């Protein structure tokens, strides 16, 4: 099947995926900004910390934010946020908080047109994968709720007491790392049936897809 842009394939499409796709394979969705209306990890940290603690933490993160203007490394600024807000928390505590957060926030964060397209691919029995730079432990409850076949994300590091160290145990799952992780899972010759994303960090993933959807979802809950 030739490569084509999926800008026309959203919740309002008049042509079904059954008509457009002969053989569904692996379909990859970015999470933040694609399936959701905004960054889920920032929203989670703010929800979990509460306004006062979050505001205090953001003040302490000001030097890291200023440094980001120079290095433009999103992994470094995200790691600083993890150290500030999650270091010392147990895996169980973070998992429980993430589950509660998803239960409350999924209806407010998920884009209806993105979910509709996700479900149409499910009807085609595609293997649906979320590939995100956000910590997988935070996105996992959303992935389960959507019925994802696989979640690939950035992993938090935990010590021998199963407490967050404030660092990551994997590379930031963004840009080329998304492709590397996908091919690590599905094989070096993987070509995605389709891929959806909304930033430059999704570019490499879109490049290995037969069909691409860049910023095609616009609906808000």
C-alpha atoms as a PDB file:
ATOM      1  CA  UNK A   1       0.000   0.000   0.000  1.00  0.00           C
ATOM      2  CA  UNK A   2       1.373   3.393  -0.936  1.00  0.00           C
ATOM      3  CA  UNK A   3       2.159   6.026   1.622  1.00  0.00           C
ATOM      4  CA  UNK A   4      -0.474   8.740   2.048  1.00  0.00           C
ATOM      5  CA  UNK A   5      -1.395  11.416   4.532  1.00  0.00           C
ATOM      6  CA  UNK A   6      -4.280  10.756   6.914  1.00  0.00           C
ATOM      7  CA  UNK A   7      -5.303  14.374   7.402  1.00  0.00           C
ATOM      8  CA  UNK A   8      -8.765  13.469   6.141  1.00  0.00           C
ATOM      9  CA  UNK A   9      -9.143  10.476   8.439  1.00  0.00           C
ATOM     10  CA  UNK A  10     -10.622  11.601  11.737  1.00  0.00           C
ATOM     11  CA  UNK A  11     -13.870  11.384  13.602  1.00  0.00           C
ATOM     12  CA  UNK A  12     -15.762  13.043  10.748  1.00  0.00           C
ATOM     13  CA  UNK A  13     -14.408  10.958   7.862  1.00  0.00           C
ATOM     14  CA  UNK A  14     -16.995   9.802   5.335  1.00  0.00           C
ATOM     15  CA  UNK A  15     -14.961   6.827   4.174  1.00  0.00           C
ATOM     16  CA  UNK A  16     -14.537   3.905   6.529  1.00  0.00           C
ATOM     17  CA  UNK A  17     -11.205   2.354   7.334  1.00  0.00           C
ATOM     18  CA  UNK A  18     -12.614  -0.930   6.021  1.00  0.00           C
ATOM     19  CA  UNK A  19     -12.819   0.719   2.606  1.00  0.00           C
ATOM     20  CA  UNK A  20      -9.396   2.340   2.819  1.00  0.00           C
ATOM     21  CA  UNK A  21      -7.312  -0.382   4.440  1.00  0.00           C
ATOM     22  CA  UNK A  22      -6.905  -3.863   3.050  1.00  0.00           C
ATOM     23  CA  UNK A  23      -4.727  -5.358   5.777  1.00  0.00           C
ATOM     24  CA  UNK A  24      -4.263  -3.657   9.172  1.00  0.00           C
ATOM     25  CA  UNK A  25      -0.883  -4.075  10.889  1.00  0.00           C
ATOM     26  CA  UNK A  26       0.840  -2.107  13.657  1.00  0.00           C
ATOM     27  CA  UNK A  27      -0.571   1.375  14.245  1.00  0.00           C
ATOM     28  CA  UNK A  28       1.309   3.767  16.554  1.00  0.00           C
ATOM     29  CA  UNK A  29      -0.167   6.744  18.394  1.00  0.00           C
ATOM     30  CA  UNK A  30       1.756   9.408  20.236  1.00  0.00           C
ATOM     31  CA  UNK A  31      -0.033  10.212  23.489  1.00  0.00           C
ATOM     32  CA  UNK A  32       0.379  13.819  24.672  1.00  0.00           C
ATOM     33  CA  UNK A  33      -1.185  16.294  22.266  1.00  0.00           C
ATOM     34  CA  UNK A  34      -2.314  13.505  19.947  1.00  0.00           C
ATOM     35  CA  UNK A  35      -4.636  11.298  21.969  1.00  0.00           C
ATOM     36  CA  UNK A  36      -4.850  14.029  24.633  1.00  0.00           C
ATOM     37  CA  UNK A  37      -5.396  17.769  24.531  1.00  0.00           C
ATOM     38  CA  UNK A  38      -2.281  18.571  26.594  1.00  0.00           C
ATOM     39  CA  UNK A  39       0.729  17.115  28.355  1.00  0.00           C
ATOM     40  CA  UNK A  40      -0.488  14.398  30.699  1.00  0.00           C
ATOM     41  CA  UNK A  41       2.665  14.182  32.813  1.00  0.00           C
ATOM     42  CA  UNK A  42       2.605  17.862  33.758  1.00  0.00           C
ATOM     43  CA  UNK A  43      -1.095  17.553  34.535  1.00  0.00           C
ATOM     44  CA  UNK A  44      -0.399  14.480  36.679  1.00  0.00           C
ATOM     45  CA  UNK A  45       2.345  16.197  38.666  1.00  0.00           C
ATOM     46  CA  UNK A  46       0.150  19.212  39.298  1.00  0.00           C
ATOM     47  CA  UNK A  47      -2.831  17.058  40.305  1.00  0.00           C
ATOM     48  CA  UNK A  48      -0.742  14.858  42.569  1.00  0.00           C
ATOM     49  CA  UNK A  49       1.181  17.653  44.278  1.00  0.00           C
ATOM     50  CA  UNK A  50      -1.682  20.096  44.803  1.00  0.00           C
ATOM     51  CA  UNK A  51      -1.507  23.744  43.878  1.00  0.00           C
ATOM     52  CA  UNK A  52       0.697  24.987  46.721  1.00  0.00           C
ATOM     53  CA  UNK A  53       3.271  22.192  46.499  1.00  0.00           C
ATOM     54  CA  UNK A  54       3.269  22.375  42.710  1.00  0.00           C
ATOM     55  CA  UNK A  55       3.850  26.132  42.699  1.00  0.00           C
ATOM     56  CA  UNK A  56       6.707  25.755  45.194  1.00  0.00           C
ATOM     57  CA  UNK A  57       8.249  23.037  43.050  1.00  0.00           C
ATOM     58  CA  UNK A  58       8.009  25.125  39.914  1.00  0.00           C
ATOM     59  CA  UNK A  59       9.886  27.937  41.647  1.00  0.00           C
ATOM     60  CA  UNK A  60      12.675  25.489  42.509  1.00  0.00           C
ATOM     61  CA  UNK A  61      12.662  24.283  38.885  1.00  0.00           C
ATOM     62  CA  UNK A  62      13.237  27.809  37.534  1.00  0.00           C
ATOM     63  CA  UNK A  63      17.007  27.298  37.055  1.00  0.00           C
ATOM     64  CA  UNK A  64      16.361  24.089  35.109  1.00  0.00           C
ATOM     65  CA  UNK A  65      13.786  25.896  32.979  1.00  0.00           C
ATOM     66  CA  UNK A  66      16.277  28.663  32.200  1.00  0.00           C
ATOM     67  CA  UNK A  67      18.949  26.101  31.350  1.00  0.00           C
ATOM     68  CA  UNK A  68      16.518  24.444  28.943  1.00  0.00           C
ATOM     69  CA  UNK A  69      16.506  27.630  26.847  1.00  0.00           C
ATOM     70  CA  UNK A  70      20.136  26.873  26.131  1.00  0.00           C
ATOM     71  CA  UNK A  71      20.323  23.088  25.741  1.00  0.00           C
ATOM     72  CA  UNK A  72      16.753  22.425  24.485  1.00  0.00           C
ATOM     73  CA  UNK A  73      16.931  18.912  25.895  1.00  0.00           C
ATOM     74  CA  UNK A  74      13.430  17.920  26.914  1.00  0.00           C
ATOM     75  CA  UNK A  75      14.716  14.830  28.670  1.00  0.00           C
ATOM     76  CA  UNK A  76      16.771  16.950  31.057  1.00  0.00           C
ATOM     77  CA  UNK A  77      13.920  19.272  32.014  1.00  0.00           C
ATOM     78  CA  UNK A  78      11.613  16.286  32.478  1.00  0.00           C
ATOM     79  CA  UNK A  79      14.196  14.546  34.666  1.00  0.00           C
ATOM     80  CA  UNK A  80      14.408  17.678  36.824  1.00  0.00           C
ATOM     81  CA  UNK A  81      10.632  17.560  37.298  1.00  0.00           C
ATOM     82  CA  UNK A  82      10.803  13.891  38.266  1.00  0.00           C
ATOM     83  CA  UNK A  83      13.467  14.647  40.895  1.00  0.00           C
ATOM     84  CA  UNK A  84      11.422  17.514  42.283  1.00  0.00           C
ATOM     85  CA  UNK A  85       8.033  15.836  42.468  1.00  0.00           C
ATOM     86  CA  UNK A  86       8.498  12.046  42.504  1.00  0.00           C
ATOM     87  CA  UNK A  87      11.860  11.215  44.064  1.00  0.00           C
ATOM     88  CA  UNK A  88      11.338   8.946  47.073  1.00  0.00           C
ATOM     89  CA  UNK A  89       7.806   7.897  46.172  1.00  0.00           C
ATOM     90  CA  UNK A  90       7.183   4.164  46.043  1.00  0.00           C
ATOM     91  CA  UNK A  91       6.270   2.418  42.802  1.00  0.00           C
ATOM     92  CA  UNK A  92       2.969   1.325  44.355  1.00  0.00           C
ATOM     93  CA  UNK A  93       2.139   4.879  45.412  1.00  0.00           C
ATOM     94  CA  UNK A  94       2.841   6.272  41.941  1.00  0.00           C
ATOM     95  CA  UNK A  95       0.862   3.483  40.270  1.00  0.00           C
ATOM     96  CA  UNK A  96      -2.116   4.054  42.559  1.00  0.00           C
ATOM     97  CA  UNK A  97      -1.984   7.810  42.004  1.00  0.00           C
ATOM     98  CA  UNK A  98      -1.698   7.333  38.238  1.00  0.00           C
ATOM     99  CA  UNK A  99      -4.738   5.052  38.235  1.00  0.00           C
ATOM    100  CA  UNK A 100      -6.804   7.558  40.234  1.00  0.00           C
ATOM    101  CA  UNK A 101      -5.624  10.387  37.990  1.00  0.00           C
ATOM    102  CA  UNK A 102      -6.651   8.529  34.838  1.00  0.00           C
ATOM    103  CA  UNK A 103     -10.067   7.670  36.228  1.00  0.00           C
ATOM    104  CA  UNK A 104     -10.738  11.328  36.955  1.00  0.00           C
ATOM    105  CA  UNK A 105      -8.977  12.967  34.034  1.00  0.00           C
ATOM    106  CA  UNK A 106      -9.444  10.654  31.047  1.00  0.00           C
ATOM    107  CA  UNK A 107     -12.806  12.238  30.122  1.00  0.00           C
ATOM    108  CA  UNK A 108     -11.175  15.683  30.327  1.00  0.00           C
ATOM    109  CA  UNK A 109      -7.950  14.867  28.483  1.00  0.00           C
ATOM    110  CA  UNK A 110      -8.724  12.421  25.674  1.00  0.00           C
ATOM    111  CA  UNK A 111      -9.640  13.847  22.271  1.00  0.00           C
ATOM    112  CA  UNK A 112     -12.946  12.394  21.032  1.00  0.00           C
ATOM    113  CA  UNK A 113     -11.838  12.315  17.377  1.00  0.00           C
ATOM    114  CA  UNK A 114      -8.563  10.593  18.284  1.00  0.00           C
ATOM    115  CA  UNK A 115     -10.408   7.963  20.329  1.00  0.00           C
ATOM    116  CA  UNK A 116     -12.873   7.447  17.467  1.00  0.00           C
ATOM    117  CA  UNK A 117     -10.009   6.781  15.048  1.00  0.00           C
ATOM    118  CA  UNK A 118      -8.352   4.489  17.602  1.00  0.00           C
ATOM    119  CA  UNK A 119     -11.571   2.483  17.826  1.00  0.00           C
ATOM    120  CA  UNK A 120     -11.895   2.209  14.049  1.00  0.00           C
ATOM    121  CA  UNK A 121      -8.404   0.766  13.891  1.00  0.00           C
ATOM    122  CA  UNK A 122      -9.425  -1.646  16.657  1.00  0.00           C
ATOM    123  CA  UNK A 123     -12.337  -2.753  14.487  1.00  0.00           C
ATOM    124  CA  UNK A 124      -9.784  -3.497  11.772  1.00  0.00           C
ATOM    125  CA  UNK A 125      -7.936  -5.614  14.362  1.00  0.00           C
ATOM    126  CA  UNK A 126      -4.787  -3.541  14.068  1.00  0.00           C
ATOM    127  CA  UNK A 127      -2.144  -3.920  16.767  1.00  0.00           C
ATOM    128  CA  UNK A 128      -2.455  -0.594  18.597  1.00  0.00           C
ATOM    129  CA  UNK A 129       0.625   0.869  20.271  1.00  0.00           C
ATOM    130  CA  UNK A 130       1.025   4.057  22.308  1.00  0.00           C
ATOM    131  CA  UNK A 131       4.555   5.465  21.941  1.00  0.00           C
ATOM    132  CA  UNK A 132       5.180   8.344  24.320  1.00  0.00           C
ATOM    133  CA  UNK A 133       7.944  10.361  25.935  1.00  0.00           C
ATOM    134  CA  UNK A 134       5.906  10.543  29.125  1.00  0.00           C
ATOM    135  CA  UNK A 135       6.662   8.077  31.935  1.00  0.00           C
ATOM    136  CA  UNK A 136       5.002   4.780  31.095  1.00  0.00           C
ATOM    137  CA  UNK A 137       3.884   4.349  34.699  1.00  0.00           C
ATOM    138  CA  UNK A 138       1.676   7.452  34.351  1.00  0.00           C
ATOM    139  CA  UNK A 139       0.278   6.625  30.910  1.00  0.00           C
ATOM    140  CA  UNK A 140      -0.345   2.929  31.689  1.00  0.00           C
ATOM    141  CA  UNK A 141      -3.883   3.371  33.136  1.00  0.00           C
ATOM    142  CA  UNK A 142      -4.927   5.343  30.045  1.00  0.00           C
ATOM    143  CA  UNK A 143      -3.448   2.643  27.813  1.00  0.00           C
ATOM    144  CA  UNK A 144      -5.363  -0.063  29.670  1.00  0.00           C
ATOM    145  CA  UNK A 145      -8.568   1.936  29.415  1.00  0.00           C
ATOM    146  CA  UNK A 146      -8.137   2.292  25.665  1.00  0.00           C
ATOM    147  CA  UNK A 147      -7.280  -1.383  25.281  1.00  0.00           C
ATOM    148  CA  UNK A 148      -3.801  -0.752  23.874  1.00  0.00           C
ATOM    149  CA  UNK A 149      -1.858  -3.818  22.798  1.00  0.00           C
ATOM    150  CA  UNK A 150       1.389  -2.221  23.917  1.00  0.00           C
ATOM    151  CA  UNK A 151       2.673   0.877  25.674  1.00  0.00           C
ATOM    152  CA  UNK A 152       6.171   2.155  24.951  1.00  0.00           C
ATOM    153  CA  UNK A 153       7.286   5.071  27.107  1.00  0.00           C
ATOM    154  CA  UNK A 154      10.056   6.512  29.234  1.00  0.00           C
ATOM    155  CA  UNK A 155      10.653   4.410  32.354  1.00  0.00           C
ATOM    156  CA  UNK A 156      11.297   5.807  35.818  1.00  0.00           C
ATOM    157  CA  UNK A 157      14.235   4.395  37.769  1.00  0.00           C
ATOM    158  CA  UNK A 158      13.547   2.733  41.131  1.00  0.00           C
ATOM    159  CA  UNK A 159      16.009   1.739  43.844  1.00  0.00           C
ATOM    160  CA  UNK A 160      16.231  -1.598  45.664  1.00  0.00           C
ATOM    161  CA  UNK A 161      13.446  -0.407  47.982  1.00  0.00           C
ATOM    162  CA  UNK A 162      11.236   0.178  44.925  1.00  0.00           C
ATOM    163  CA  UNK A 163      11.269   3.931  45.407  1.00  0.00           C
ATOM    164  CA  UNK A 164      11.690   6.433  42.601  1.00  0.00           C
ATOM    165  CA  UNK A 165      15.250   7.701  42.443  1.00  0.00           C
ATOM    166  CA  UNK A 166      14.336  10.861  40.557  1.00  0.00           C
ATOM    167  CA  UNK A 167      15.934   9.593  37.351  1.00  0.00           C
ATOM    168  CA  UNK A 168      14.985   7.496  34.317  1.00  0.00           C
ATOM    169  CA  UNK A 169      16.049   3.939  33.574  1.00  0.00           C
ATOM    170  CA  UNK A 170      15.619   4.373  29.805  1.00  0.00           C
ATOM    171  CA  UNK A 171      16.358   7.067  27.270  1.00  0.00           C
ATOM    172  CA  UNK A 172      13.701   9.717  26.745  1.00  0.00           C
ATOM    173  CA  UNK A 173      11.266   8.082  24.324  1.00  0.00           C
ATOM    174  CA  UNK A 174      11.233  10.857  21.769  1.00  0.00           C
ATOM    175  CA  UNK A 175      12.436  11.314  18.184  1.00  0.00           C
ATOM    176  CA  UNK A 176      14.707   8.485  16.966  1.00  0.00           C
ATOM    177  CA  UNK A 177      14.227   6.668  20.279  1.00  0.00           C
ATOM    178  CA  UNK A 178      10.593   6.004  19.367  1.00  0.00           C
ATOM    179  CA  UNK A 179      11.673   4.174  16.224  1.00  0.00           C
ATOM    180  CA  UNK A 180      14.450   2.330  18.034  1.00  0.00           C
ATOM    181  CA  UNK A 181      12.043   1.072  20.696  1.00  0.00           C
ATOM    182  CA  UNK A 182       9.425   0.061  18.134  1.00  0.00           C
ATOM    183  CA  UNK A 183      11.959  -1.900  16.095  1.00  0.00           C
ATOM    184  CA  UNK A 184      13.399  -3.434  19.243  1.00  0.00           C
ATOM    185  CA  UNK A 185       9.908  -4.804  19.897  1.00  0.00           C
ATOM    186  CA  UNK A 186       8.645  -5.677  16.421  1.00  0.00           C
ATOM    187  CA  UNK A 187      11.831  -6.223  14.437  1.00  0.00           C
ATOM    188  CA  UNK A 188      14.386  -4.160  12.553  1.00  0.00           C
ATOM    189  CA  UNK A 189      12.381  -4.168   9.323  1.00  0.00           C
ATOM    190  CA  UNK A 190       9.179  -2.802  10.892  1.00  0.00           C
ATOM    191  CA  UNK A 191       6.998  -0.560   8.747  1.00  0.00           C
ATOM    192  CA  UNK A 192       4.003   0.835  10.594  1.00  0.00           C
ATOM    193  CA  UNK A 193       0.619   0.619   8.941  1.00  0.00           C
ATOM    194  CA  UNK A 194      -0.089   4.113  10.268  1.00  0.00           C
ATOM    195  CA  UNK A 195       1.300   6.571  12.799  1.00  0.00           C
ATOM    196  CA  UNK A 196      -0.147   9.660  14.480  1.00  0.00           C
ATOM    197  CA  UNK A 197       1.767  12.476  16.152  1.00  0.00           C
ATOM    198  CA  UNK A 198       1.791  16.202  16.781  1.00  0.00           C
ATOM    199  CA  UNK A 199       5.385  17.396  17.335  1.00  0.00           C
ATOM    200  CA  UNK A 200       8.865  17.155  15.858  1.00  0.00           C
ATOM    201  CA  UNK A 201       9.486  14.385  18.385  1.00  0.00           C
ATOM    202  CA  UNK A 202       7.175  12.162  16.334  1.00  0.00           C
ATOM    203  CA  UNK A 203       8.812  12.851  12.979  1.00  0.00           C
ATOM    204  CA  UNK A 204      10.966   9.730  12.810  1.00  0.00           C
ATOM    205  CA  UNK A 205       8.045   7.520  13.809  1.00  0.00           C
ATOM    206  CA  UNK A 206       5.877   9.030  11.094  1.00  0.00           C
ATOM    207  CA  UNK A 207       8.632   8.424   8.558  1.00  0.00           C
ATOM    208  CA  UNK A 208       8.401   4.640   8.990  1.00  0.00           C
ATOM    209  CA  UNK A 209       4.618   4.580   8.507  1.00  0.00           C
ATOM    210  CA  UNK A 210       2.743   3.749   5.342  1.00  0.00           C
ATOM    211  CA  UNK A 211       0.159   6.349   6.329  1.00  0.00           C
ATOM    212  CA  UNK A 212       0.807   9.425   8.435  1.00  0.00           C
ATOM    213  CA  UNK A 213      -1.455  11.607  10.514  1.00  0.00           C
ATOM    214  CA  UNK A 214       0.235  14.778  11.774  1.00  0.00           C
ATOM    215  CA  UNK A 215      -1.904  17.033  13.976  1.00  0.00           C
ATOM    216  CA  UNK A 216      -5.069  15.578  12.502  1.00  0.00           C
ATOM    217  CA  UNK A 217      -7.005  15.488  15.786  1.00  0.00           C
ATOM    218  CA  UNK A 218      -8.475  18.761  16.986  1.00  0.00           C
ATOM    219  CA  UNK A 219     -11.560  17.948  19.064  1.00  0.00           C
ATOM    220  CA  UNK A 220     -11.717  18.745  22.745  1.00  0.00           C
ATOM    221  CA  UNK A 221     -13.752  16.864  25.365  1.00  0.00           C
END
